[in-house]
Amino acid sequence: MPDRRSFQFPKMRTFLRRILILVLFVVGDPTPYSLIAGSILIFLGQVLHFISAGTLVKTEVLTIAGPYRWVRNPFYLSNVFTDAGFCVIAWNPWVPIAWFIGFYGFVLHPRTKSEEAELLGIHGKAYQDYLDKVPRYIPSLFPKYPHVRGAFSFEALHHNREIPRNLRHFAFAILFVAKELMIRSQGGDPWSLRGFPALIQHGLGAVCFWTGVAMVLAPWLWRLMKKIFFPKKNEAAAAVAAPAPQAERTAP
């Protein structure tokens, strides 16, 4: 079985990504063009993450269907698109350089190699065959595993908490739109907050700001309500839930 770090890593990864978005939001100077280009990258990343989460089976069965036919780590690839999208939106060159070198080079890549070693011990020859046929990060143009019908599951989406994750990332993008509108109202000054009171009260800026805030808070409020009103059901679900010992098999 994988060690405890296997299950702590997704939480650390999520925490670091939130720090990245917060830093980008503070130092970013978005433009209409950067918002469009970055939003396209975020959308592509979230679509890939959505499909990957719907295909992933959190058991000891090796998943080779869906995007896992093309690349071993579709979650990580989707995160590259998403992170790049936020960096493009923020339009600040230094933060993404530090992030992609520091996080992907010195945190994620070593972790990926460690996961592969763990999985090789769990799945043996089947996983070695998978390693030989499917690339780690860059998708293959000609997958060597056949297409599997019915591999996508909405139950897997629910189990992987994918919808709240998608909402959260799209909400962050909407909040960047609100910041761009505020900067424009301040005559292009990205550091002042003098336009914030007007932003949250009137027009498109208020719509973007409060929509983004609502989308960020909605999943958290939903989980809180379930804990309050359905505590026994949540305890029963937690008792039967099993962790997934497969590389990047917890949706980041």
Protein backbone atom coordinates (compact mmCIF):
# COMPACT_ATOMS: atom_id res chain seq x y z
CA MET A 1 0.00 0.00 0.00
CA PRO A 2 1.20 3.56 -0.65
CA ASP A 3 2.42 5.52 2.34
CA ARG A 4 0.51 8.32 4.00
CA ARG A 5 2.25 10.95 1.89
CA SER A 6 0.32 9.68 -1.13
CA PHE A 7 -2.85 11.07 0.37
CA GLN A 8 -1.33 14.26 1.81
CA PHE A 9 0.18 15.38 -1.49
CA PRO A 10 -3.12 16.35 -3.21
CA LYS A 11 -3.95 18.66 -0.29
CA MET A 12 -0.53 20.30 -0.46
CA ARG A 13 -0.87 20.66 -4.23
CA THR A 14 -4.29 22.32 -3.87
CA PHE A 15 -2.95 24.67 -1.19
CA LEU A 16 0.01 25.71 -3.36
CA ARG A 17 -2.23 26.32 -6.37
CA ARG A 18 -4.48 28.58 -4.30
CA ILE A 19 -1.40 30.51 -3.18
CA LEU A 20 -0.43 30.87 -6.86
CA ILE A 21 -3.85 32.25 -7.81
CA LEU A 22 -3.83 34.63 -4.83
CA VAL A 23 -0.38 35.95 -5.77
CA LEU A 24 -1.42 36.35 -9.41
CA PHE A 25 -4.56 38.17 -8.33
CA VAL A 26 -2.53 40.62 -6.22
CA VAL A 27 0.30 41.33 -8.69
CA GLY A 28 -1.61 40.72 -11.93
CA ASP A 29 -2.45 43.42 -14.44
CA PRO A 30 -5.00 41.69 -16.70
CA THR A 31 -6.02 43.08 -20.07
CA PRO A 32 -9.03 42.19 -22.24
CA TYR A 33 -6.78 40.14 -24.54
CA SER A 34 -5.05 38.31 -21.68
CA LEU A 35 -8.46 37.51 -20.19
CA ILE A 36 -9.65 35.95 -23.44
CA ALA A 37 -6.47 33.95 -24.09
CA GLY A 38 -6.13 32.80 -20.50
CA SER A 39 -9.79 31.84 -20.21
CA ILE A 40 -9.45 29.61 -23.28
CA LEU A 41 -6.53 27.78 -21.65
CA ILE A 42 -8.44 27.41 -18.38
CA PHE A 43 -11.46 26.05 -20.24
CA LEU A 44 -9.33 23.47 -22.07
CA GLY A 45 -7.68 22.45 -18.83
CA GLN A 46 -10.98 22.05 -17.01
CA VAL A 47 -12.53 20.03 -19.85
CA LEU A 48 -9.59 17.61 -19.77
CA HIS A 49 -9.77 17.42 -15.98
CA PHE A 50 -13.54 16.80 -16.16
CA ILE A 51 -13.12 13.92 -18.61
CA SER A 52 -10.23 12.45 -16.62
CA ALA A 53 -12.19 12.58 -13.35
CA GLY A 54 -15.19 10.95 -15.00
CA THR A 55 -13.02 8.12 -16.30
CA LEU A 56 -10.99 7.54 -13.14
CA VAL A 57 -11.99 4.55 -11.02
CA LYS A 58 -10.67 4.99 -7.48
CA THR A 59 -9.85 1.36 -6.82
CA GLU A 60 -6.79 -0.81 -7.26
CA VAL A 61 -7.78 -1.41 -10.89
CA LEU A 62 -5.37 0.23 -13.34
CA THR A 63 -7.27 2.86 -15.36
CA ILE A 64 -6.28 2.84 -19.05
CA ALA A 65 -9.50 4.16 -20.60
CA GLY A 66 -10.40 7.64 -21.82
CA PRO A 67 -7.53 10.14 -21.69
CA TYR A 68 -5.39 7.59 -19.85
CA ARG A 69 -4.96 5.86 -23.23
CA TRP A 70 -3.16 8.95 -24.54
CA VAL A 71 -1.13 10.13 -21.54
CA ARG A 72 -0.34 8.66 -18.13
CA ASN A 73 -1.06 11.84 -16.18
CA PRO A 74 -3.99 13.70 -17.78
CA PHE A 75 -4.78 15.43 -14.48
CA TYR A 76 -1.32 16.97 -14.41
CA LEU A 77 -1.55 17.96 -18.07
CA SER A 78 -4.90 19.63 -17.41
CA ASN A 79 -3.33 21.52 -14.52
CA VAL A 80 -0.60 22.82 -16.82
CA PHE A 81 -3.28 24.30 -19.08
CA THR A 82 -5.17 25.74 -16.11
CA ASP A 83 -2.12 27.23 -14.42
CA ALA A 84 -0.88 28.65 -17.71
CA GLY A 85 -4.32 30.18 -18.23
CA PHE A 86 -4.24 32.01 -14.91
CA CYS A 87 -0.69 33.19 -15.58
CA VAL A 88 -1.71 34.54 -18.99
CA ILE A 89 -4.73 36.29 -17.49
CA ALA A 90 -2.60 37.95 -14.80
CA TRP A 91 -0.11 39.09 -17.43
CA ASN A 92 2.89 38.99 -15.10
CA PRO A 93 5.98 37.18 -16.43
CA TRP A 94 7.88 36.50 -13.19
CA VAL A 95 5.35 34.50 -11.19
CA PRO A 96 4.79 31.82 -13.88
CA ILE A 97 8.55 31.39 -14.37
CA ALA A 98 9.00 30.73 -10.66
CA TRP A 99 5.89 28.53 -10.50
CA PHE A 100 6.57 26.25 -13.44
CA ILE A 101 10.24 25.77 -12.58
CA GLY A 102 9.72 25.46 -8.83
CA PHE A 103 6.45 23.52 -8.63
CA TYR A 104 6.49 21.40 -11.77
CA GLY A 105 10.25 20.92 -11.90
CA PHE A 106 11.09 20.35 -8.24
CA VAL A 107 7.80 19.17 -6.69
CA LEU A 108 5.48 17.55 -9.21
CA HIS A 109 7.99 15.74 -11.44
CA PRO A 110 9.82 13.97 -8.56
CA ARG A 111 6.44 13.11 -7.06
CA THR A 112 5.28 11.62 -10.36
CA LYS A 113 8.35 9.37 -10.54
CA SER A 114 7.78 8.27 -6.95
CA GLU A 115 4.13 7.44 -7.72
CA GLU A 116 5.16 5.38 -10.73
CA ALA A 117 7.54 3.35 -8.59
CA GLU A 118 4.74 2.71 -6.07
CA LEU A 119 2.34 1.64 -8.79
CA LEU A 120 4.86 -0.64 -10.38
CA GLY A 121 5.02 -2.48 -7.07
CA ILE A 122 1.21 -2.68 -6.89
CA HIS A 123 0.29 -3.56 -10.48
CA GLY A 124 3.49 -5.27 -11.62
CA LYS A 125 3.76 -6.29 -15.28
CA ALA A 126 0.47 -4.61 -16.26
CA TYR A 127 1.75 -1.23 -15.14
CA GLN A 128 5.17 -1.80 -16.72
CA ASP A 129 3.38 -2.45 -20.01
CA TYR A 130 1.42 0.77 -19.46
CA LEU A 131 4.67 2.68 -18.81
CA ASP A 132 6.16 1.33 -22.02
CA LYS A 133 3.16 2.24 -24.19
CA VAL A 134 1.85 5.55 -22.81
CA PRO A 135 3.92 8.75 -22.42
CA ARG A 136 4.15 10.48 -19.05
CA TYR A 137 3.18 14.07 -19.90
CA ILE A 138 2.89 14.70 -23.65
CA PRO A 139 -0.06 12.81 -25.19
CA SER A 140 0.59 10.20 -27.84
CA LEU A 141 -0.91 10.88 -31.26
CA PHE A 142 -1.56 7.18 -31.75
CA PRO A 143 -2.69 5.46 -28.52
CA LYS A 144 -1.75 1.80 -28.21
CA TYR A 145 -4.71 0.87 -26.02
CA PRO A 146 -8.17 0.35 -27.59
CA HIS A 147 -11.07 2.69 -26.94
CA VAL A 148 -13.37 1.48 -24.15
CA ARG A 149 -17.08 2.26 -24.44
CA GLY A 150 -18.90 3.35 -21.31
CA ALA A 151 -15.72 4.27 -19.46
CA PHE A 152 -17.05 7.72 -18.48
CA SER A 153 -19.11 7.79 -15.28
CA PHE A 154 -21.04 10.64 -13.66
CA GLU A 155 -20.80 8.71 -10.41
CA ALA A 156 -17.03 8.99 -10.66
CA LEU A 157 -17.41 12.75 -11.20
CA HIS A 158 -19.41 13.01 -8.00
CA HIS A 159 -16.98 10.81 -6.08
CA ASN A 160 -14.02 12.89 -7.28
CA ARG A 161 -15.82 16.18 -6.39
CA GLU A 162 -15.18 17.44 -9.89
CA ILE A 163 -18.09 19.88 -10.28
CA PRO A 164 -17.12 22.00 -7.23
CA ARG A 165 -13.56 22.08 -8.52
CA ASN A 166 -14.66 23.30 -11.96
CA LEU A 167 -16.88 25.96 -10.39
CA ARG A 168 -14.02 27.19 -8.24
CA HIS A 169 -11.61 27.62 -11.15
CA PHE A 170 -14.15 29.34 -13.38
CA ALA A 171 -15.01 31.60 -10.43
CA PHE A 172 -11.37 32.66 -10.11
CA ALA A 173 -11.35 33.59 -13.80
CA ILE A 174 -14.51 35.68 -13.33
CA LEU A 175 -12.91 37.48 -10.39
CA PHE A 176 -9.98 38.40 -12.64
CA VAL A 177 -12.51 39.99 -15.00
CA ALA A 178 -13.78 42.05 -12.07
CA LYS A 179 -10.22 43.16 -11.29
CA GLU A 180 -9.60 44.20 -14.90
CA LEU A 181 -12.76 46.32 -14.82
CA MET A 182 -11.62 47.93 -11.57
CA ILE A 183 -8.17 48.70 -13.00
CA ARG A 184 -9.77 50.27 -16.05
CA SER A 185 -12.01 52.43 -13.84
CA GLN A 186 -8.89 53.63 -11.99
CA GLY A 187 -7.19 54.85 -15.13
CA GLY A 188 -4.96 51.79 -15.47
CA ASP A 189 -3.54 51.76 -11.92
CA PRO A 190 -3.28 48.06 -10.88
CA TRP A 191 -2.26 48.75 -7.27
CA SER A 192 -4.99 51.10 -6.06
CA LEU A 193 -8.27 49.96 -4.52
CA ARG A 194 -10.09 53.25 -4.89
CA GLY A 195 -12.35 51.76 -7.56
CA PHE A 196 -13.37 48.78 -5.41
CA PRO A 197 -16.43 50.36 -3.69
CA ALA A 198 -17.94 51.28 -7.05
CA LEU A 199 -16.97 47.90 -8.51
CA ILE A 200 -19.04 45.88 -6.05
CA GLN A 201 -22.10 48.11 -6.32
CA HIS A 202 -22.71 48.87 -9.98
CA GLY A 203 -22.70 47.40 -13.46
CA LEU A 204 -20.78 44.51 -14.97
CA GLY A 205 -18.06 44.70 -12.32
CA ALA A 206 -20.55 44.01 -9.54
CA VAL A 207 -22.05 41.10 -11.50
CA CYS A 208 -18.61 39.54 -12.04
CA PHE A 209 -17.44 40.09 -8.48
CA TRP A 210 -20.49 38.71 -6.71
CA THR A 211 -20.89 35.85 -9.20
CA GLY A 212 -17.28 34.84 -8.61
CA VAL A 213 -17.65 35.04 -4.83
CA ALA A 214 -20.86 32.99 -4.94
CA MET A 215 -19.25 30.30 -7.11
CA VAL A 216 -16.26 30.04 -4.77
CA LEU A 217 -18.43 29.76 -1.66
CA ALA A 218 -21.20 27.53 -3.06
CA PRO A 219 -19.35 24.15 -2.84
CA TRP A 220 -18.12 24.93 0.67
CA LEU A 221 -21.61 25.95 1.83
CA TRP A 222 -23.08 22.80 0.26
CA ARG A 223 -20.61 20.56 2.12
CA LEU A 224 -21.33 22.44 5.34
CA MET A 225 -25.08 21.97 4.94
CA LYS A 226 -24.65 18.24 4.28
CA LYS A 227 -22.57 17.87 7.45
CA ILE A 228 -25.19 19.72 9.48
CA PHE A 229 -28.36 18.14 8.09
CA PHE A 230 -27.12 14.67 6.97
CA PRO A 231 -24.29 13.77 9.40
CA LYS A 232 -25.05 10.03 9.57
CA LYS A 233 -25.12 9.67 5.79
CA ASN A 234 -21.75 11.41 5.49
CA GLU A 235 -20.21 9.17 8.16
CA ALA A 236 -21.47 6.05 6.37
CA ALA A 237 -20.07 7.25 3.05
CA ALA A 238 -16.70 8.00 4.63
CA ALA A 239 -16.60 4.55 6.21
CA VAL A 240 -16.90 2.74 2.88
CA ALA A 241 -14.74 5.12 0.82
CA ALA A 242 -11.42 3.62 -0.25
CA PRO A 243 -8.36 5.63 -1.30
CA ALA A 244 -6.86 5.13 -4.74
CA PRO A 245 -3.29 3.86 -4.97
CA GLN A 246 -2.67 4.94 -8.56
CA ALA A 247 -0.45 7.74 -9.81
CA GLU A 248 -2.23 11.09 -9.74
CA ARG A 249 -5.37 9.09 -9.05
CA THR A 250 -6.72 11.73 -6.68
CA ALA A 251 -8.07 14.60 -8.70
CA PRO A 252 -5.90 17.64 -7.97
